[in-house]
Amino acid sequence: MLKVELRSLEYEDLVLEEKGWAKALGIDLEPQLCSDPLEIHCELSKEDDLISAKGWVKGKMLLACDRCLKEFENPYKSFFEVRYRSSGADEDPDGVEVFPEGEFEIVYFEGELLDVGEQIRQTILLSVPMRFLCREDCRGLCGGCGVDLNFGTCVCSEPPPDSRWEALKNIKL
């Protein structure tokens, strides 16, 4: 599991190395986003009231190409770095919030257990590509006959009409 007891970080840094299915590790993801077991490496260290977590997650996604609709595996390795702070540690005695210097994300948590599973889940979701392409030069499907242009040639005599331009044909200049 990806939960750490805070007292284990009092005297030394901790390294989490896990390999397994997302559900078994306590990470809630769609099945296509983790078609193989995930590999996770996370280094945790504590300095004052901040806990630093940095590492990477590696896996494969099963996606459908946006052009040809074929399923393909998309391997990824994504890195993360985040700081955790206990919910009660963010105020000074006067009740004013105190933030450390530097530009990094701070995640607040409660209790004596730190769960890095949510950070892993967010890292995987940020690894999902904007466009799913089985390969950069994928030619897709013909809009008329539906043939996969990566493996065959179109049998259409002329390009299929685009109904979006029909209104322009009736304009008299």
Protein backbone atom coordinates (compact mmCIF):
# COMPACT_ATOMS: atom_id res chain seq x y z
CA MET A 1 0.00 0.00 0.00
CA LEU A 2 1.02 3.58 -0.43
CA LYS A 3 0.36 4.70 3.14
CA VAL A 4 3.19 5.74 5.45
CA GLU A 5 3.14 6.18 9.21
CA LEU A 6 4.58 9.57 10.12
CA ARG A 7 6.63 8.22 13.00
CA SER A 8 8.65 6.13 10.51
CA LEU A 9 9.95 9.41 9.02
CA GLU A 10 11.12 10.88 12.33
CA TYR A 11 14.69 9.53 12.19
CA GLU A 12 15.35 8.57 8.58
CA ASP A 13 14.12 9.03 5.03
CA LEU A 14 11.96 6.36 3.48
CA VAL A 15 11.84 4.89 -0.02
CA LEU A 16 8.65 3.23 -1.28
CA GLU A 17 9.02 0.86 -4.19
CA GLU A 18 5.84 -0.87 -5.22
CA LYS A 19 4.78 -2.92 -8.21
CA GLY A 20 1.22 -4.06 -8.66
CA TRP A 21 -2.23 -3.41 -10.05
CA ALA A 22 -3.72 -0.01 -9.32
CA LYS A 23 -6.71 -1.39 -7.38
CA ALA A 24 -4.46 -3.55 -5.19
CA LEU A 25 -2.33 -0.48 -4.39
CA GLY A 26 -5.43 1.52 -3.43
CA ILE A 27 -5.44 3.76 -6.53
CA ASP A 28 -8.83 4.35 -8.15
CA LEU A 29 -8.33 4.47 -11.93
CA GLU A 30 -10.14 3.43 -15.07
CA PRO A 31 -8.87 -0.01 -16.20
CA GLN A 32 -7.62 1.29 -19.57
CA LEU A 33 -5.23 3.70 -17.78
CA CYS A 34 -3.32 0.84 -16.20
CA SER A 35 -3.36 -2.14 -18.57
CA ASP A 36 -0.21 -3.55 -16.88
CA PRO A 37 0.90 -3.47 -13.26
CA LEU A 38 2.22 -0.09 -12.16
CA GLU A 39 5.79 0.47 -10.98
CA ILE A 40 6.10 3.19 -8.33
CA HIS A 41 9.19 4.74 -6.80
CA CYS A 42 8.71 7.40 -4.11
CA GLU A 43 11.30 8.99 -1.82
CA LEU A 44 9.93 10.54 1.37
CA SER A 45 11.78 12.83 3.74
CA LYS A 46 10.74 15.05 6.61
CA GLU A 47 12.07 18.52 7.38
CA ASP A 48 10.39 20.36 10.26
CA ASP A 49 6.64 20.13 9.56
CA LEU A 50 6.96 19.48 5.80
CA ILE A 51 7.17 16.04 4.26
CA SER A 52 8.70 15.93 0.80
CA ALA A 53 7.64 13.21 -1.64
CA LYS A 54 9.25 12.83 -5.04
CA GLY A 55 9.48 9.98 -7.47
CA TRP A 56 7.95 8.44 -10.55
CA VAL A 57 5.25 6.07 -11.73
CA LYS A 58 5.62 3.81 -14.75
CA GLY A 59 2.97 1.84 -16.59
CA LYS A 60 1.02 1.31 -19.80
CA MET A 61 -2.31 2.71 -20.95
CA LEU A 62 -4.62 0.94 -23.37
CA LEU A 63 -6.03 3.65 -25.65
CA ALA A 64 -8.04 3.83 -28.88
CA CYS A 65 -6.48 5.87 -31.69
CA ASP A 66 -8.40 9.06 -32.49
CA ARG A 67 -7.81 8.59 -36.23
CA CYS A 68 -8.09 4.86 -36.99
CA LEU A 69 -9.92 3.65 -33.82
CA LYS A 70 -7.44 0.78 -33.27
CA GLU A 71 -6.44 -0.01 -29.69
CA PHE A 72 -2.78 0.46 -28.80
CA GLU A 73 -0.61 0.44 -25.70
CA ASN A 74 0.93 3.73 -24.63
CA PRO A 75 3.84 3.27 -22.19
CA TYR A 76 4.62 6.16 -19.84
CA LYS A 77 6.93 7.15 -17.02
CA SER A 78 5.84 10.28 -15.17
CA PHE A 79 7.59 12.17 -12.41
CA PHE A 80 6.10 13.99 -9.43
CA GLU A 81 7.23 16.14 -6.53
CA VAL A 82 4.97 17.38 -3.77
CA ARG A 83 5.17 18.59 -0.16
CA TYR A 84 2.76 17.43 2.51
CA ARG A 85 1.87 19.29 5.68
CA SER A 86 -0.35 18.33 8.57
CA SER A 87 -3.57 20.37 8.69
CA GLY A 88 -2.79 21.68 12.17
CA ALA A 89 0.77 22.76 11.30
CA ASP A 90 -0.08 25.64 8.98
CA GLU A 91 -0.78 28.28 11.59
CA ASP A 92 1.44 30.18 13.95
CA PRO A 93 0.32 30.91 17.54
CA ASP A 94 -1.45 34.11 16.41
CA GLY A 95 -3.64 32.12 13.98
CA VAL A 96 -1.99 33.51 10.84
CA GLU A 97 -1.13 31.04 8.09
CA VAL A 98 2.59 30.62 7.48
CA PHE A 99 3.79 29.35 4.10
CA PRO A 100 7.38 28.34 3.42
CA GLU A 101 9.36 30.03 0.67
CA GLY A 102 9.61 28.34 -2.71
CA GLU A 103 7.27 27.36 -5.47
CA PHE A 104 5.88 23.90 -4.95
CA GLU A 105 2.57 22.28 -4.27
CA ILE A 106 1.56 21.75 -0.65
CA VAL A 107 -1.03 19.09 0.13
CA TYR A 108 -2.61 19.15 3.58
CA PHE A 109 -3.52 15.94 5.38
CA GLU A 110 -4.91 14.84 8.73
CA GLY A 111 -3.91 12.05 11.09
CA GLU A 112 -0.78 9.99 11.53
CA LEU A 113 -0.95 8.22 8.14
CA LEU A 114 0.20 9.82 4.90
CA ASP A 115 -1.39 8.40 1.75
CA VAL A 116 0.61 9.17 -1.43
CA GLY A 117 -1.85 7.16 -3.55
CA GLU A 118 -3.83 10.25 -4.56
CA GLN A 119 -0.68 11.96 -5.83
CA ILE A 120 0.14 8.84 -7.88
CA ARG A 121 -3.40 8.84 -9.32
CA GLN A 122 -3.10 12.52 -10.31
CA THR A 123 0.31 11.89 -11.88
CA ILE A 124 -1.14 9.09 -14.02
CA LEU A 125 -4.10 11.24 -15.09
CA LEU A 126 -1.72 14.02 -16.12
CA SER A 127 0.15 11.45 -18.26
CA VAL A 128 -2.86 10.84 -20.48
CA PRO A 129 -2.07 12.37 -23.89
CA MET A 130 -4.28 15.12 -25.31
CA ARG A 131 -4.64 13.18 -28.57
CA PHE A 132 -4.55 9.42 -28.74
CA LEU A 133 -2.47 8.46 -31.78
CA CYS A 134 -1.25 4.92 -32.40
CA ARG A 135 1.62 6.51 -34.34
CA GLU A 136 2.44 10.02 -35.53
CA ASP A 137 1.85 9.23 -39.21
CA CYS A 138 -1.50 7.46 -38.72
CA ARG A 139 -3.67 8.23 -41.77
CA GLY A 140 -6.98 7.31 -40.13
CA LEU A 141 -10.18 6.11 -41.77
CA CYS A 142 -11.77 7.24 -45.02
CA GLY A 143 -14.85 9.36 -44.30
CA GLY A 144 -16.74 7.80 -47.21
CA CYS A 145 -16.04 4.07 -47.33
CA GLY A 146 -14.46 3.62 -43.88
CA VAL A 147 -11.32 1.80 -45.05
CA ASP A 148 -8.27 2.05 -42.80
CA LEU A 149 -5.93 4.22 -44.88
CA ASN A 150 -2.89 2.80 -43.07
CA PHE A 151 -3.47 -0.61 -44.68
CA GLY A 152 -5.44 0.02 -47.84
CA THR A 153 -6.52 2.56 -50.39
CA CYS A 154 -9.82 4.33 -50.56
CA VAL A 155 -12.36 2.90 -53.06
CA CYS A 156 -14.43 6.09 -53.19
CA SER A 157 -14.71 7.66 -56.67
CA GLU A 158 -14.64 11.16 -55.21
CA PRO A 159 -14.24 12.59 -51.73
CA PRO A 160 -17.38 12.40 -49.59
CA PRO A 161 -19.42 15.62 -49.56
CA ASP A 162 -19.14 17.79 -46.50
CA SER A 163 -22.67 18.89 -45.55
CA ARG A 164 -21.34 21.84 -43.56
CA TRP A 165 -20.69 23.71 -46.83
CA GLU A 166 -24.15 23.11 -48.41
CA ALA A 167 -25.50 26.50 -47.33
CA LEU A 168 -22.72 28.27 -49.24
CA LYS A 169 -23.81 26.71 -52.54
CA ASN A 170 -27.10 28.67 -52.43
CA ILE A 171 -25.44 32.09 -52.02
CA LYS A 172 -25.81 34.34 -55.07
CA LEU A 173 -23.06 36.89 -55.56
